[in-house]
């Protein structure tokens, strides 16, 4: 989604004499995050920043600077930067209610999301739990969320464990296209699931 969004935005800015450059940056050690961002900020000298899939720490850093920054996505708690966002919590809520409407038992629906502090992921989890609230406890709903490291092998291993559980899920809600394709490929080509009949 980000490739199409920023490609289109770059094309719209060009006739105005403005250019856009993308920078992929990911801090791995929390104590170094602020130093790394400060260095990137000074070296880039951009007039404005668009923050896409930015961690809470990254959003916090840019909220303390004097150049404009806009979050593409959901702000973390207490971040007051302007944002262009989708109500992903409502999307997750709708996904659960659609599965319930199709006859899936509340305790056999799983949400699969990355482990992260991205605001959007928090809202997705809240929407999932909220949709299940009339049927299962909040604690039980939280246990139905699989938070995975964004790594193919770990994701598949985690999904295997879920599918081998006594009360295995009949419906999966998966965040991120890459994770969806990984899981679909593994289920159909390696485990020979008949989708959507068996899952």
N, C-alpha and C. Protein backbone atom coordinates (compact mmCIF):
# COMPACT_ATOMS: atom_id res chain seq x y z
N UNK A 1 0.83 -1.20 0.00
CA UNK A 1 0.00 0.00 0.00
C UNK A 1 0.87 1.26 0.00
N UNK A 2 1.94 1.24 0.77
CA UNK A 2 2.82 2.40 0.86
C UNK A 2 3.47 2.74 -0.46
N UNK A 3 3.84 1.71 -1.26
CA UNK A 3 4.49 1.95 -2.55
C UNK A 3 3.57 2.73 -3.46
N UNK A 4 2.28 2.32 -3.53
CA UNK A 4 1.33 2.99 -4.41
C UNK A 4 1.02 4.39 -3.90
N UNK A 5 0.86 4.53 -2.59
CA UNK A 5 0.54 5.83 -2.00
C UNK A 5 1.63 6.85 -2.29
N UNK A 6 2.88 6.48 -1.98
CA UNK A 6 3.96 7.45 -2.13
C UNK A 6 4.35 7.65 -3.59
N UNK A 7 4.16 6.62 -4.42
CA UNK A 7 4.41 6.79 -5.86
C UNK A 7 3.46 7.81 -6.44
N UNK A 8 2.19 7.73 -6.08
CA UNK A 8 1.18 8.67 -6.56
C UNK A 8 1.45 10.07 -6.02
N UNK A 9 1.81 10.16 -4.75
CA UNK A 9 2.08 11.45 -4.14
C UNK A 9 3.28 12.12 -4.80
N UNK A 10 4.33 11.35 -5.07
CA UNK A 10 5.51 11.88 -5.74
C UNK A 10 5.17 12.45 -7.11
N UNK A 11 4.30 11.74 -7.85
CA UNK A 11 3.89 12.20 -9.18
C UNK A 11 3.10 13.51 -9.09
N UNK A 12 2.31 13.66 -8.04
CA UNK A 12 1.52 14.88 -7.88
C UNK A 12 2.37 16.08 -7.45
N UNK A 13 3.45 15.78 -6.73
CA UNK A 13 4.32 16.87 -6.25
C UNK A 13 5.24 17.39 -7.35
N UNK A 14 5.61 16.52 -8.27
CA UNK A 14 6.60 16.89 -9.30
C UNK A 14 6.22 18.15 -10.09
N UNK A 15 4.97 18.29 -10.58
CA UNK A 15 4.62 19.52 -11.33
C UNK A 15 4.72 20.79 -10.49
N UNK A 16 4.73 20.64 -9.18
CA UNK A 16 4.83 21.81 -8.29
C UNK A 16 6.27 22.17 -7.98
N UNK A 17 7.20 21.42 -8.57
CA UNK A 17 8.61 21.68 -8.33
C UNK A 17 9.13 21.08 -7.05
N UNK A 18 8.36 20.21 -6.45
CA UNK A 18 8.78 19.57 -5.21
C UNK A 18 9.16 18.12 -5.50
N UNK A 19 10.05 17.60 -4.71
CA UNK A 19 10.45 16.20 -4.89
C UNK A 19 10.25 15.46 -3.57
N UNK A 20 10.13 14.16 -3.69
CA UNK A 20 9.93 13.34 -2.51
C UNK A 20 10.93 12.19 -2.51
N UNK A 21 11.53 11.95 -1.38
CA UNK A 21 12.49 10.87 -1.24
C UNK A 21 12.05 9.98 -0.08
N UNK A 22 12.16 8.68 -0.28
CA UNK A 22 11.78 7.77 0.80
C UNK A 22 13.02 7.31 1.54
N UNK A 23 12.87 7.19 2.84
CA UNK A 23 13.96 6.73 3.69
C UNK A 23 13.42 5.58 4.54
N UNK A 24 14.04 4.43 4.42
CA UNK A 24 13.64 3.30 5.27
C UNK A 24 14.57 3.27 6.47
N UNK A 25 13.97 3.43 7.62
CA UNK A 25 14.78 3.46 8.84
C UNK A 25 14.09 2.65 9.91
N UNK A 26 14.86 1.81 10.57
CA UNK A 26 14.30 1.00 11.65
C UNK A 26 15.31 0.91 12.77
N UNK A 27 14.95 1.45 13.91
CA UNK A 27 15.83 1.35 15.08
C UNK A 27 15.71 -0.03 15.71
N UNK A 28 16.82 -0.62 16.05
CA UNK A 28 16.78 -1.96 16.62
C UNK A 28 17.02 -1.96 18.12
N UNK A 29 17.72 -0.95 18.62
CA UNK A 29 18.02 -0.89 20.05
C UNK A 29 17.45 0.41 20.60
N UNK A 30 16.55 0.31 21.56
CA UNK A 30 15.82 1.49 22.02
C UNK A 30 16.72 2.65 22.45
N UNK A 31 17.79 2.40 23.21
CA UNK A 31 18.64 3.54 23.60
C UNK A 31 19.25 4.27 22.41
N UNK A 32 19.40 3.58 21.28
CA UNK A 32 20.02 4.21 20.11
C UNK A 32 19.02 4.86 19.17
N UNK A 33 17.73 4.61 19.41
CA UNK A 33 16.71 5.10 18.48
C UNK A 33 16.78 6.62 18.33
N UNK A 34 16.79 7.32 19.46
CA UNK A 34 16.74 8.79 19.41
C UNK A 34 17.98 9.35 18.74
N UNK A 35 19.16 8.79 19.05
CA UNK A 35 20.39 9.26 18.41
C UNK A 35 20.36 9.02 16.91
N UNK A 36 19.88 7.83 16.53
CA UNK A 36 19.80 7.49 15.11
C UNK A 36 18.83 8.40 14.36
N UNK A 37 17.69 8.69 14.97
CA UNK A 37 16.71 9.57 14.35
C UNK A 37 17.24 10.99 14.23
N UNK A 38 17.92 11.45 15.27
CA UNK A 38 18.48 12.81 15.24
C UNK A 38 19.48 12.95 14.10
N UNK A 39 20.31 11.94 13.91
CA UNK A 39 21.30 11.95 12.82
C UNK A 39 20.60 11.95 11.46
N UNK A 40 19.60 11.09 11.32
CA UNK A 40 18.85 11.02 10.07
C UNK A 40 18.15 12.35 9.79
N UNK A 41 17.57 12.95 10.80
CA UNK A 41 16.84 14.21 10.68
C UNK A 41 17.75 15.33 10.20
N UNK A 42 18.94 15.42 10.80
CA UNK A 42 19.89 16.47 10.44
C UNK A 42 20.46 16.27 9.04
N UNK A 43 20.78 15.02 8.71
CA UNK A 43 21.41 14.75 7.42
C UNK A 43 20.44 14.89 6.26
N UNK A 44 19.17 14.59 6.50
CA UNK A 44 18.19 14.61 5.41
C UNK A 44 17.75 16.02 5.07
N UNK A 45 17.59 16.88 6.07
CA UNK A 45 17.20 18.28 5.86
C UNK A 45 15.93 18.41 5.00
N UNK A 46 14.94 17.58 5.28
CA UNK A 46 13.68 17.65 4.54
C UNK A 46 12.83 18.82 5.04
N UNK A 47 11.99 19.35 4.16
CA UNK A 47 11.08 20.43 4.56
C UNK A 47 9.89 19.89 5.36
N UNK A 48 9.53 18.63 5.11
CA UNK A 48 8.42 18.01 5.82
C UNK A 48 8.62 16.49 5.80
N UNK A 49 7.97 15.82 6.74
CA UNK A 49 8.13 14.37 6.87
C UNK A 49 6.77 13.69 6.84
N UNK A 50 6.69 12.57 6.12
CA UNK A 50 5.53 11.68 6.16
C UNK A 50 5.98 10.42 6.89
N UNK A 51 5.29 10.06 7.93
CA UNK A 51 5.69 8.92 8.76
C UNK A 51 4.75 7.75 8.48
N UNK A 52 5.29 6.70 7.87
CA UNK A 52 4.50 5.54 7.50
C UNK A 52 4.99 4.33 8.29
N UNK A 53 4.07 3.65 8.97
CA UNK A 53 4.43 2.53 9.85
C UNK A 53 5.52 2.94 10.83
N UNK A 54 5.35 4.10 11.42
CA UNK A 54 6.34 4.63 12.35
C UNK A 54 6.02 4.17 13.77
N UNK A 55 7.05 3.74 14.47
CA UNK A 55 6.88 3.30 15.86
C UNK A 55 6.50 4.48 16.75
N UNK A 56 6.04 4.16 17.95
CA UNK A 56 5.70 5.22 18.91
C UNK A 56 6.90 6.10 19.20
N UNK A 57 8.07 5.49 19.31
CA UNK A 57 9.29 6.24 19.60
C UNK A 57 9.62 7.21 18.46
N UNK A 58 9.44 6.74 17.22
CA UNK A 58 9.69 7.58 16.05
C UNK A 58 8.70 8.74 16.00
N UNK A 59 7.43 8.44 16.24
CA UNK A 59 6.42 9.50 16.25
C UNK A 59 6.72 10.52 17.33
N UNK A 60 7.13 10.05 18.49
CA UNK A 60 7.44 10.94 19.61
C UNK A 60 8.60 11.87 19.24
N UNK A 61 9.62 11.33 18.58
CA UNK A 61 10.76 12.14 18.18
C UNK A 61 10.31 13.27 17.25
N UNK A 62 9.53 12.93 16.23
CA UNK A 62 9.13 13.95 15.25
C UNK A 62 8.16 14.96 15.84
N UNK A 63 7.40 14.56 16.86
CA UNK A 63 6.49 15.51 17.50
C UNK A 63 7.25 16.58 18.28
N UNK A 64 8.54 16.32 18.56
CA UNK A 64 9.35 17.26 19.32
C UNK A 64 10.23 18.14 18.42
N UNK A 65 10.12 17.96 17.09
CA UNK A 65 10.95 18.73 16.16
C UNK A 65 10.17 19.92 15.62
N UNK A 66 10.88 20.82 14.90
CA UNK A 66 10.22 22.03 14.43
C UNK A 66 9.82 22.00 12.96
N UNK A 67 10.03 20.86 12.28
CA UNK A 67 9.57 20.74 10.89
C UNK A 67 8.27 19.94 10.84
N UNK A 68 7.38 20.25 9.88
CA UNK A 68 6.08 19.56 9.83
C UNK A 68 6.25 18.05 9.63
N UNK A 69 5.39 17.30 10.28
CA UNK A 69 5.36 15.84 10.11
C UNK A 69 3.91 15.39 10.13
N UNK A 70 3.59 14.45 9.25
CA UNK A 70 2.25 13.91 9.14
C UNK A 70 2.32 12.39 9.23
N UNK A 71 1.51 11.81 10.09
CA UNK A 71 1.49 10.35 10.23
C UNK A 71 0.53 9.77 9.20
N UNK A 72 1.01 8.82 8.41
CA UNK A 72 0.14 8.05 7.53
C UNK A 72 -0.18 6.78 8.28
N UNK A 73 -1.30 6.76 8.94
CA UNK A 73 -1.65 5.63 9.81
C UNK A 73 -2.18 6.15 11.13
N UNK A 74 -2.03 5.35 12.16
CA UNK A 74 -2.61 5.68 13.46
C UNK A 74 -1.56 6.17 14.44
N UNK A 75 -1.80 7.32 15.06
CA UNK A 75 -0.84 7.82 16.06
C UNK A 75 -0.84 6.94 17.31
N UNK A 76 0.33 6.87 17.94
CA UNK A 76 0.43 6.17 19.21
C UNK A 76 -0.22 7.03 20.30
N UNK A 77 -0.41 6.45 21.47
CA UNK A 77 -1.01 7.19 22.59
C UNK A 77 -0.21 8.44 22.90
N UNK A 78 -0.93 9.53 23.15
CA UNK A 78 -0.36 10.82 23.57
C UNK A 78 0.41 11.52 22.46
N UNK A 79 0.37 11.00 21.23
CA UNK A 79 1.02 11.68 20.10
C UNK A 79 0.00 12.59 19.46
N UNK A 80 0.34 13.86 19.30
CA UNK A 80 -0.62 14.85 18.80
C UNK A 80 -0.33 15.29 17.37
N UNK A 81 0.59 14.63 16.68
CA UNK A 81 0.85 14.95 15.28
C UNK A 81 -0.41 14.71 14.44
N UNK A 82 -0.62 15.52 13.40
CA UNK A 82 -1.76 15.24 12.51
C UNK A 82 -1.58 13.89 11.83
N UNK A 83 -2.69 13.25 11.49
CA UNK A 83 -2.62 11.91 10.90
C UNK A 83 -3.72 11.69 9.89
N UNK A 84 -3.40 10.93 8.86
CA UNK A 84 -4.39 10.44 7.90
C UNK A 84 -4.56 8.97 8.23
N UNK A 85 -5.73 8.61 8.72
CA UNK A 85 -5.87 7.26 9.24
C UNK A 85 -7.19 6.61 8.83
N UNK A 86 -7.19 5.30 8.89
CA UNK A 86 -8.38 4.49 8.66
C UNK A 86 -8.78 3.91 10.01
N UNK A 87 -10.07 3.78 10.24
CA UNK A 87 -10.54 3.20 11.50
C UNK A 87 -10.35 1.69 11.43
N UNK A 88 -9.11 1.25 11.67
CA UNK A 88 -8.78 -0.17 11.54
C UNK A 88 -9.45 -1.00 12.64
N UNK A 89 -9.78 -0.37 13.76
CA UNK A 89 -10.51 -1.07 14.81
C UNK A 89 -11.89 -1.50 14.32
N UNK A 90 -12.54 -0.61 13.58
CA UNK A 90 -13.86 -0.93 13.01
C UNK A 90 -13.74 -2.02 11.96
N UNK A 91 -12.65 -2.01 11.20
CA UNK A 91 -12.42 -3.05 10.19
C UNK A 91 -12.29 -4.42 10.86
N UNK A 92 -11.50 -4.48 11.95
CA UNK A 92 -11.33 -5.74 12.68
C UNK A 92 -12.67 -6.19 13.28
N UNK A 93 -13.42 -5.25 13.82
CA UNK A 93 -14.73 -5.56 14.40
C UNK A 93 -15.65 -6.15 13.33
N UNK A 94 -15.65 -5.55 12.16
CA UNK A 94 -16.49 -6.03 11.05
C UNK A 94 -16.07 -7.43 10.62
N UNK A 95 -14.75 -7.69 10.57
CA UNK A 95 -14.25 -9.01 10.17
C UNK A 95 -14.75 -10.09 11.12
N UNK A 96 -14.70 -9.80 12.42
CA UNK A 96 -15.18 -10.77 13.41
C UNK A 96 -16.67 -11.02 13.25
N UNK A 97 -17.45 -9.95 13.15
CA UNK A 97 -18.91 -10.12 13.05
C UNK A 97 -19.29 -10.86 11.77
N UNK A 98 -18.52 -10.65 10.69
CA UNK A 98 -18.78 -11.38 9.44
C UNK A 98 -18.56 -12.88 9.64
N UNK A 99 -17.48 -13.25 10.34
CA UNK A 99 -17.22 -14.66 10.61
C UNK A 99 -18.28 -15.27 11.53
N UNK A 100 -18.69 -14.51 12.54
CA UNK A 100 -19.75 -14.99 13.43
C UNK A 100 -21.05 -15.21 12.66
N UNK A 101 -21.33 -14.30 11.75
CA UNK A 101 -22.55 -14.39 10.94
C UNK A 101 -22.52 -15.64 10.04
N UNK A 102 -21.32 -16.06 9.66
CA UNK A 102 -21.18 -17.25 8.81
C UNK A 102 -21.09 -18.53 9.64
N UNK A 103 -21.34 -18.44 10.94
CA UNK A 103 -21.46 -19.63 11.76
C UNK A 103 -20.21 -20.05 12.52
N UNK A 104 -19.15 -19.25 12.50
CA UNK A 104 -17.94 -19.60 13.26
C UNK A 104 -18.18 -19.37 14.75
N UNK A 105 -17.74 -20.31 15.56
CA UNK A 105 -17.87 -20.16 17.01
C UNK A 105 -16.92 -19.06 17.49
N UNK A 106 -17.36 -18.23 18.45
CA UNK A 106 -16.52 -17.10 18.90
C UNK A 106 -15.13 -17.52 19.37
N UNK A 107 -15.04 -18.70 20.02
CA UNK A 107 -13.74 -19.11 20.57
C UNK A 107 -12.85 -19.81 19.54
N UNK A 108 -13.32 -19.84 18.27
CA UNK A 108 -12.52 -20.50 17.24
C UNK A 108 -12.12 -19.52 16.12
N UNK A 109 -12.12 -18.25 16.47
CA UNK A 109 -11.65 -17.20 15.55
C UNK A 109 -10.33 -16.67 16.10
N UNK A 110 -9.34 -16.54 15.25
CA UNK A 110 -8.03 -16.04 15.68
C UNK A 110 -7.65 -14.80 14.87
N UNK A 111 -7.01 -13.87 15.56
CA UNK A 111 -6.42 -12.69 14.92
C UNK A 111 -4.92 -12.88 14.87
N UNK A 112 -4.32 -12.65 13.69
CA UNK A 112 -2.87 -12.80 13.53
C UNK A 112 -2.29 -11.45 13.12
N UNK A 113 -1.50 -10.86 14.03
CA UNK A 113 -0.91 -9.53 13.78
C UNK A 113 0.57 -9.55 14.18
N UNK A 114 1.35 -8.61 13.64
CA UNK A 114 2.77 -8.55 14.03
C UNK A 114 2.92 -8.05 15.47
N UNK A 115 4.01 -8.45 16.10
CA UNK A 115 4.40 -7.87 17.40
C UNK A 115 4.95 -6.48 17.11
N UNK A 116 4.31 -5.46 17.60
CA UNK A 116 4.83 -4.10 17.37
C UNK A 116 4.10 -3.13 18.28
N UNK A 117 4.62 -1.90 18.32
CA UNK A 117 3.93 -0.87 19.10
C UNK A 117 3.24 0.13 18.16
N UNK A 118 3.01 -0.28 16.90
CA UNK A 118 2.31 0.60 15.97
C UNK A 118 0.88 0.84 16.47
N UNK A 119 0.47 2.10 16.42
CA UNK A 119 -0.87 2.46 16.91
C UNK A 119 -1.97 1.67 16.24
N UNK A 120 -1.84 1.46 14.91
CA UNK A 120 -2.86 0.73 14.17
C UNK A 120 -3.06 -0.68 14.66
N UNK A 121 -1.95 -1.34 15.03
CA UNK A 121 -2.05 -2.72 15.51
C UNK A 121 -2.80 -2.78 16.84
N UNK A 122 -2.60 -1.77 17.67
CA UNK A 122 -3.32 -1.70 18.94
C UNK A 122 -4.82 -1.54 18.69
N UNK A 123 -5.18 -0.68 17.74
CA UNK A 123 -6.59 -0.46 17.43
C UNK A 123 -7.23 -1.71 16.84
N UNK A 124 -6.47 -2.45 16.00
CA UNK A 124 -6.99 -3.70 15.42
C UNK A 124 -7.30 -4.69 16.54
N UNK A 125 -6.36 -4.84 17.48
CA UNK A 125 -6.56 -5.77 18.60
C UNK A 125 -7.78 -5.36 19.44
N UNK A 126 -7.93 -4.06 19.69
CA UNK A 126 -9.07 -3.58 20.47
C UNK A 126 -10.38 -3.87 19.75
N UNK A 127 -10.40 -3.66 18.42
CA UNK A 127 -11.61 -3.94 17.64
C UNK A 127 -11.98 -5.41 17.67
N UNK A 128 -10.97 -6.26 17.61
CA UNK A 128 -11.18 -7.71 17.67
C UNK A 128 -11.79 -8.11 19.02
N UNK A 129 -11.18 -7.63 20.10
CA UNK A 129 -11.66 -7.96 21.45
C UNK A 129 -13.07 -7.42 21.67
N UNK A 130 -13.30 -6.20 21.18
CA UNK A 130 -14.62 -5.57 21.36
C UNK A 130 -15.72 -6.37 20.65
N UNK A 131 -15.41 -6.89 19.46
CA UNK A 131 -16.41 -7.66 18.71
C UNK A 131 -16.75 -8.98 19.39
N UNK A 132 -15.77 -9.55 20.10
CA UNK A 132 -15.99 -10.83 20.78
C UNK A 132 -16.56 -10.66 22.19
N UNK A 133 -16.59 -9.42 22.68
CA UNK A 133 -17.00 -9.15 24.07
C UNK A 133 -18.35 -9.74 24.46
N UNK A 134 -19.36 -9.74 23.58
CA UNK A 134 -20.65 -10.33 24.00
C UNK A 134 -20.59 -11.86 24.15
N UNK A 135 -19.50 -12.48 23.67
CA UNK A 135 -19.46 -13.94 23.60
C UNK A 135 -18.40 -14.57 24.51
N UNK A 136 -17.25 -13.91 24.64
CA UNK A 136 -16.17 -14.45 25.48
C UNK A 136 -15.59 -13.33 26.33
N UNK A 137 -14.87 -13.68 27.38
CA UNK A 137 -14.27 -12.66 28.25
C UNK A 137 -13.15 -11.93 27.51
N UNK A 138 -12.81 -10.74 27.99
CA UNK A 138 -11.71 -9.98 27.40
C UNK A 138 -10.41 -10.74 27.46
N UNK A 139 -10.19 -11.44 28.58
CA UNK A 139 -8.96 -12.22 28.75
C UNK A 139 -8.90 -13.35 27.72
N UNK A 140 -10.04 -14.03 27.51
CA UNK A 140 -10.09 -15.12 26.52
C UNK A 140 -9.86 -14.58 25.11
N UNK A 141 -10.48 -13.44 24.80
CA UNK A 141 -10.32 -12.83 23.47
C UNK A 141 -8.85 -12.47 23.22
N UNK A 142 -8.18 -11.94 24.25
CA UNK A 142 -6.75 -11.60 24.12
C UNK A 142 -5.93 -12.85 23.80
N UNK A 143 -6.32 -13.98 24.39
CA UNK A 143 -5.60 -15.24 24.15
C UNK A 143 -5.80 -15.74 22.72
N UNK A 144 -6.80 -15.21 22.03
CA UNK A 144 -7.07 -15.61 20.65
C UNK A 144 -6.31 -14.74 19.65
N UNK A 145 -5.44 -13.88 20.16
CA UNK A 145 -4.62 -13.03 19.29
C UNK A 145 -3.22 -13.62 19.21
N UNK A 146 -2.77 -13.92 18.01
CA UNK A 146 -1.42 -14.42 17.78
C UNK A 146 -0.56 -13.26 17.30
N UNK A 147 0.40 -12.86 18.14
CA UNK A 147 1.31 -11.77 17.77
C UNK A 147 2.64 -12.40 17.35
N UNK A 148 3.01 -12.19 16.10
CA UNK A 148 4.17 -12.88 15.55
C UNK A 148 5.29 -11.90 15.18
N UNK A 149 6.50 -12.42 15.20
CA UNK A 149 7.62 -11.66 14.65
C UNK A 149 7.49 -11.69 13.13
N UNK A 150 7.81 -10.59 12.47
CA UNK A 150 7.62 -10.54 11.02
C UNK A 150 8.73 -11.30 10.30
N UNK A 151 8.68 -12.59 10.47
CA UNK A 151 9.67 -13.48 9.90
C UNK A 151 8.92 -14.72 9.42
N UNK A 152 9.15 -15.15 8.18
CA UNK A 152 8.36 -16.22 7.58
C UNK A 152 8.38 -17.49 8.42
N UNK A 153 9.57 -17.94 8.82
CA UNK A 153 9.68 -19.21 9.53
C UNK A 153 8.99 -19.17 10.89
N UNK A 154 9.18 -18.06 11.61
CA UNK A 154 8.53 -17.94 12.92
C UNK A 154 7.01 -17.85 12.77
N UNK A 155 6.56 -17.14 11.74
CA UNK A 155 5.12 -17.01 11.50
C UNK A 155 4.50 -18.38 11.24
N UNK A 156 5.12 -19.16 10.35
CA UNK A 156 4.59 -20.48 10.01
C UNK A 156 4.62 -21.40 11.23
N UNK A 157 5.70 -21.33 12.01
CA UNK A 157 5.80 -22.15 13.22
C UNK A 157 4.68 -21.80 14.21
N UNK A 158 4.43 -20.50 14.37
CA UNK A 158 3.36 -20.05 15.28
C UNK A 158 1.99 -20.53 14.79
N UNK A 159 1.76 -20.44 13.48
CA UNK A 159 0.48 -20.87 12.92
C UNK A 159 0.30 -22.37 13.12
N UNK A 160 1.37 -23.14 12.94
CA UNK A 160 1.33 -24.59 13.17
C UNK A 160 0.84 -24.89 14.59
N UNK A 161 1.40 -24.19 15.57
CA UNK A 161 1.02 -24.42 16.97
C UNK A 161 -0.46 -24.14 17.19
N UNK A 162 -0.96 -23.08 16.56
CA UNK A 162 -2.37 -22.73 16.69
C UNK A 162 -3.25 -23.81 16.07
N UNK A 163 -2.84 -24.31 14.92
CA UNK A 163 -3.64 -25.31 14.21
C UNK A 163 -3.60 -26.67 14.89
N UNK A 164 -2.57 -26.92 15.69
CA UNK A 164 -2.46 -28.20 16.39
C UNK A 164 -3.15 -28.17 17.75
N UNK A 165 -3.66 -27.03 18.16
CA UNK A 165 -4.35 -26.92 19.45
C UNK A 165 -5.65 -27.73 19.41
N UNK A 166 -6.10 -28.24 20.57
CA UNK A 166 -7.32 -29.06 20.59
C UNK A 166 -8.53 -28.34 19.98
N UNK A 167 -8.67 -27.06 20.28
CA UNK A 167 -9.81 -26.29 19.77
C UNK A 167 -9.32 -25.40 18.64
N UNK A 168 -8.85 -26.03 17.57
CA UNK A 168 -8.19 -25.25 16.52
C UNK A 168 -9.16 -24.29 15.85
N UNK A 169 -8.66 -23.16 15.35
CA UNK A 169 -9.55 -22.16 14.76
C UNK A 169 -10.19 -22.63 13.46
N UNK A 170 -11.38 -22.09 13.20
CA UNK A 170 -12.04 -22.32 11.91
C UNK A 170 -11.99 -21.06 11.05
N UNK A 171 -11.59 -19.94 11.65
CA UNK A 171 -11.49 -18.68 10.92
C UNK A 171 -10.29 -17.88 11.37
N UNK A 172 -9.52 -17.35 10.42
CA UNK A 172 -8.35 -16.53 10.72
C UNK A 172 -8.55 -15.13 10.16
N UNK A 173 -8.20 -14.13 10.95
CA UNK A 173 -8.15 -12.74 10.48
C UNK A 173 -6.68 -12.35 10.50
N UNK A 174 -6.12 -12.08 9.34
CA UNK A 174 -4.67 -11.86 9.22
C UNK A 174 -4.39 -10.43 8.77
N UNK A 175 -3.54 -9.75 9.51
CA UNK A 175 -3.12 -8.41 9.15
C UNK A 175 -1.85 -8.49 8.33
N UNK A 176 -1.75 -7.68 7.30
CA UNK A 176 -0.61 -7.59 6.38
C UNK A 176 -0.73 -8.59 5.24
N UNK A 177 -0.64 -8.07 4.04
CA UNK A 177 -0.75 -8.91 2.84
C UNK A 177 0.35 -9.97 2.80
N UNK A 178 1.57 -9.60 3.21
CA UNK A 178 2.69 -10.55 3.14
C UNK A 178 2.43 -11.75 4.06
N UNK A 179 1.92 -11.51 5.26
CA UNK A 179 1.61 -12.60 6.18
C UNK A 179 0.46 -13.45 5.64
N UNK A 180 -0.52 -12.80 5.04
CA UNK A 180 -1.64 -13.53 4.46
C UNK A 180 -1.17 -14.49 3.37
N UNK A 181 -0.29 -14.01 2.48
CA UNK A 181 0.20 -14.84 1.38
C UNK A 181 1.05 -15.99 1.93
N UNK A 182 1.87 -15.72 2.94
CA UNK A 182 2.68 -16.78 3.56
C UNK A 182 1.79 -17.88 4.13
N UNK A 183 0.76 -17.48 4.85
CA UNK A 183 -0.12 -18.45 5.50
C UNK A 183 -0.95 -19.21 4.46
N UNK A 184 -1.50 -18.50 3.48
CA UNK A 184 -2.29 -19.16 2.44
C UNK A 184 -1.46 -20.20 1.69
N UNK A 185 -0.24 -19.81 1.32
CA UNK A 185 0.63 -20.74 0.60
C UNK A 185 0.94 -21.98 1.42
N UNK A 186 1.23 -21.78 2.70
CA UNK A 186 1.57 -22.91 3.55
C UNK A 186 0.37 -23.82 3.77
N UNK A 187 -0.80 -23.22 4.00
CA UNK A 187 -2.00 -24.02 4.25
C UNK A 187 -2.38 -24.86 3.04
N UNK A 188 -2.28 -24.27 1.85
CA UNK A 188 -2.75 -24.99 0.66
C UNK A 188 -1.71 -25.93 0.08
N UNK A 189 -0.45 -25.48 -0.02
CA UNK A 189 0.57 -26.29 -0.70
C UNK A 189 1.27 -27.29 0.21
N UNK A 190 1.39 -26.96 1.49
CA UNK A 190 2.12 -27.84 2.40
C UNK A 190 1.19 -28.66 3.29
N UNK A 191 0.13 -28.05 3.77
CA UNK A 191 -0.78 -28.77 4.67
C UNK A 191 -2.02 -29.30 3.94
N UNK A 192 -2.19 -28.90 2.68
CA UNK A 192 -3.29 -29.40 1.82
C UNK A 192 -4.68 -29.11 2.40
N UNK A 193 -4.81 -27.94 3.01
CA UNK A 193 -6.14 -27.51 3.46
C UNK A 193 -6.98 -27.15 2.24
N UNK A 194 -8.26 -27.49 2.32
CA UNK A 194 -9.21 -27.04 1.30
C UNK A 194 -9.85 -25.76 1.81
N UNK A 195 -9.48 -24.65 1.19
CA UNK A 195 -10.00 -23.35 1.63
C UNK A 195 -11.09 -22.89 0.67
N UNK A 196 -12.16 -22.32 1.17
CA UNK A 196 -12.44 -22.01 2.58
C UNK A 196 -13.23 -23.09 3.32
N UNK A 197 -13.31 -24.30 2.76
CA UNK A 197 -14.14 -25.34 3.38
C UNK A 197 -13.62 -25.76 4.76
N UNK A 198 -12.29 -25.91 4.87
CA UNK A 198 -11.72 -26.42 6.13
C UNK A 198 -11.23 -25.32 7.06
N UNK A 199 -11.08 -24.15 6.54
CA UNK A 199 -10.58 -23.04 7.37
C UNK A 199 -10.97 -21.73 6.73
